[in-house]
């Protein structure tokens, strides 16, 4: 059987999404480690993690929406233009 190489291109939206995921996981790990160590700033990191849980996905969505607008491509959330 012939095997064809996977020439799948990674898009900027995928890079932004993965960056957001890595950032959130990193924040959660730091918060967990600080809570286990019983650091005095663990409460602040917990609040930061909660805020970033809401803010990071919004920023990733806005990035992908603005990128689609600037390049003329279909943006997420756009209604279908078929009439």
C-alpha atoms as a PDB file:
ATOM      1  CA  UNK A   1       0.000   0.000   0.000  1.00  0.00           C
ATOM      2  CA  UNK A   2       1.103   3.505  -0.702  1.00  0.00           C
ATOM      3  CA  UNK A   3       1.552   5.830   2.207  1.00  0.00           C
ATOM      4  CA  UNK A   4       1.005   9.469   1.525  1.00  0.00           C
ATOM      5  CA  UNK A   5       2.698  11.995   3.766  1.00  0.00           C
ATOM      6  CA  UNK A   6       0.408  14.050   5.924  1.00  0.00           C
ATOM      7  CA  UNK A   7       0.862  17.556   4.513  1.00  0.00           C
ATOM      8  CA  UNK A   8      -1.534  19.132   6.949  1.00  0.00           C
ATOM      9  CA  UNK A   9      -0.763  22.784   7.552  1.00  0.00           C
ATOM     10  CA  UNK A  10      -1.032  24.161  11.071  1.00  0.00           C
ATOM     11  CA  UNK A  11      -3.068  27.361  11.031  1.00  0.00           C
ATOM     12  CA  UNK A  12      -2.588  30.446  13.154  1.00  0.00           C
ATOM     13  CA  UNK A  13      -5.931  29.774  14.847  1.00  0.00           C
ATOM     14  CA  UNK A  14      -4.678  26.360  15.961  1.00  0.00           C
ATOM     15  CA  UNK A  15      -1.469  27.904  17.284  1.00  0.00           C
ATOM     16  CA  UNK A  16      -3.453  30.522  19.229  1.00  0.00           C
ATOM     17  CA  UNK A  17      -5.755  27.854  20.676  1.00  0.00           C
ATOM     18  CA  UNK A  18      -2.869  25.617  21.730  1.00  0.00           C
ATOM     19  CA  UNK A  19      -1.068  28.592  23.285  1.00  0.00           C
ATOM     20  CA  UNK A  20      -4.198  29.350  25.295  1.00  0.00           C
ATOM     21  CA  UNK A  21      -4.465  25.736  26.461  1.00  0.00           C
ATOM     22  CA  UNK A  22      -0.799  25.614  27.475  1.00  0.00           C
ATOM     23  CA  UNK A  23      -1.128  28.921  29.341  1.00  0.00           C
ATOM     24  CA  UNK A  24      -4.162  27.707  31.284  1.00  0.00           C
ATOM     25  CA  UNK A  25      -2.566  24.362  32.161  1.00  0.00           C
ATOM     26  CA  UNK A  26       0.586  26.169  33.289  1.00  0.00           C
ATOM     27  CA  UNK A  27      -1.440  28.500  35.529  1.00  0.00           C
ATOM     28  CA  UNK A  28      -3.376  25.589  37.033  1.00  0.00           C
ATOM     29  CA  UNK A  29      -0.166  23.681  37.766  1.00  0.00           C
ATOM     30  CA  UNK A  30       1.451  26.691  39.434  1.00  0.00           C
ATOM     31  CA  UNK A  31      -1.678  27.244  41.511  1.00  0.00           C
ATOM     32  CA  UNK A  32      -1.762  23.593  42.565  1.00  0.00           C
ATOM     33  CA  UNK A  33       1.925  23.556  43.491  1.00  0.00           C
ATOM     34  CA  UNK A  34       1.605  26.790  45.483  1.00  0.00           C
ATOM     35  CA  UNK A  35      -1.460  25.429  47.300  1.00  0.00           C
ATOM     36  CA  UNK A  36       0.385  22.227  48.217  1.00  0.00           C
ATOM     37  CA  UNK A  37       3.447  24.148  49.397  1.00  0.00           C
ATOM     38  CA  UNK A  38       1.090  26.488  51.316  1.00  0.00           C
ATOM     39  CA  UNK A  39       2.568  29.664  49.926  1.00  0.00           C
ATOM     40  CA  UNK A  40       1.163  33.014  50.988  1.00  0.00           C
ATOM     41  CA  UNK A  41       0.408  33.971  47.371  1.00  0.00           C
ATOM     42  CA  UNK A  42      -1.501  30.806  46.483  1.00  0.00           C
ATOM     43  CA  UNK A  43      -4.836  32.605  46.960  1.00  0.00           C
ATOM     44  CA  UNK A  44      -3.848  35.285  44.471  1.00  0.00           C
ATOM     45  CA  UNK A  45      -2.796  32.674  41.934  1.00  0.00           C
ATOM     46  CA  UNK A  46      -6.134  30.903  42.416  1.00  0.00           C
ATOM     47  CA  UNK A  47      -8.008  34.123  41.626  1.00  0.00           C
ATOM     48  CA  UNK A  48      -5.689  34.718  38.657  1.00  0.00           C
ATOM     49  CA  UNK A  49      -6.388  31.205  37.364  1.00  0.00           C
ATOM     50  CA  UNK A  50     -10.134  31.723  37.663  1.00  0.00           C
ATOM     51  CA  UNK A  51      -9.961  35.027  35.805  1.00  0.00           C
ATOM     52  CA  UNK A  52      -7.742  33.582  33.082  1.00  0.00           C
ATOM     53  CA  UNK A  53     -10.184  30.695  32.637  1.00  0.00           C
ATOM     54  CA  UNK A  54     -12.627  33.282  31.319  1.00  0.00           C
ATOM     55  CA  UNK A  55     -10.266  35.789  29.700  1.00  0.00           C
ATOM     56  CA  UNK A  56      -7.923  33.515  27.705  1.00  0.00           C
ATOM     57  CA  UNK A  57     -10.662  31.813  25.610  1.00  0.00           C
ATOM     58  CA  UNK A  58     -12.216  35.216  24.897  1.00  0.00           C
ATOM     59  CA  UNK A  59      -8.857  36.565  23.726  1.00  0.00           C
ATOM     60  CA  UNK A  60      -8.294  33.509  21.511  1.00  0.00           C
ATOM     61  CA  UNK A  61     -11.766  33.933  19.998  1.00  0.00           C
ATOM     62  CA  UNK A  62     -11.208  37.651  19.388  1.00  0.00           C
ATOM     63  CA  UNK A  63      -7.836  36.907  17.793  1.00  0.00           C
ATOM     64  CA  UNK A  64      -9.316  34.349  15.406  1.00  0.00           C
ATOM     65  CA  UNK A  65     -12.242  36.652  14.604  1.00  0.00           C
ATOM     66  CA  UNK A  66      -9.981  39.638  13.886  1.00  0.00           C
ATOM     67  CA  UNK A  67      -7.599  37.501  11.811  1.00  0.00           C
ATOM     68  CA  UNK A  68     -10.515  36.300   9.681  1.00  0.00           C
ATOM     69  CA  UNK A  69     -11.752  39.864   9.261  1.00  0.00           C
ATOM     70  CA  UNK A  70      -8.333  41.164   8.224  1.00  0.00           C
ATOM     71  CA  UNK A  71      -7.679  38.333   5.753  1.00  0.00           C
ATOM     72  CA  UNK A  72     -11.207  38.287   4.311  1.00  0.00           C
ATOM     73  CA  UNK A  73     -11.930  34.713   5.359  1.00  0.00           C
ATOM     74  CA  UNK A  74     -15.023  33.356   7.065  1.00  0.00           C
ATOM     75  CA  UNK A  75     -14.927  34.307  10.738  1.00  0.00           C
ATOM     76  CA  UNK A  76     -16.245  32.098  13.524  1.00  0.00           C
ATOM     77  CA  UNK A  77     -19.794  33.078  14.351  1.00  0.00           C
ATOM     78  CA  UNK A  78     -20.506  34.556  10.936  1.00  0.00           C
ATOM     79  CA  UNK A  79     -23.945  33.695   9.580  1.00  0.00           C
ATOM     80  CA  UNK A  80     -23.978  31.688   6.371  1.00  0.00           C
ATOM     81  CA  UNK A  81     -24.399  34.007   3.390  1.00  0.00           C
ATOM     82  CA  UNK A  82     -26.355  31.482   1.350  1.00  0.00           C
ATOM     83  CA  UNK A  83     -29.737  32.907   0.458  1.00  0.00           C
END
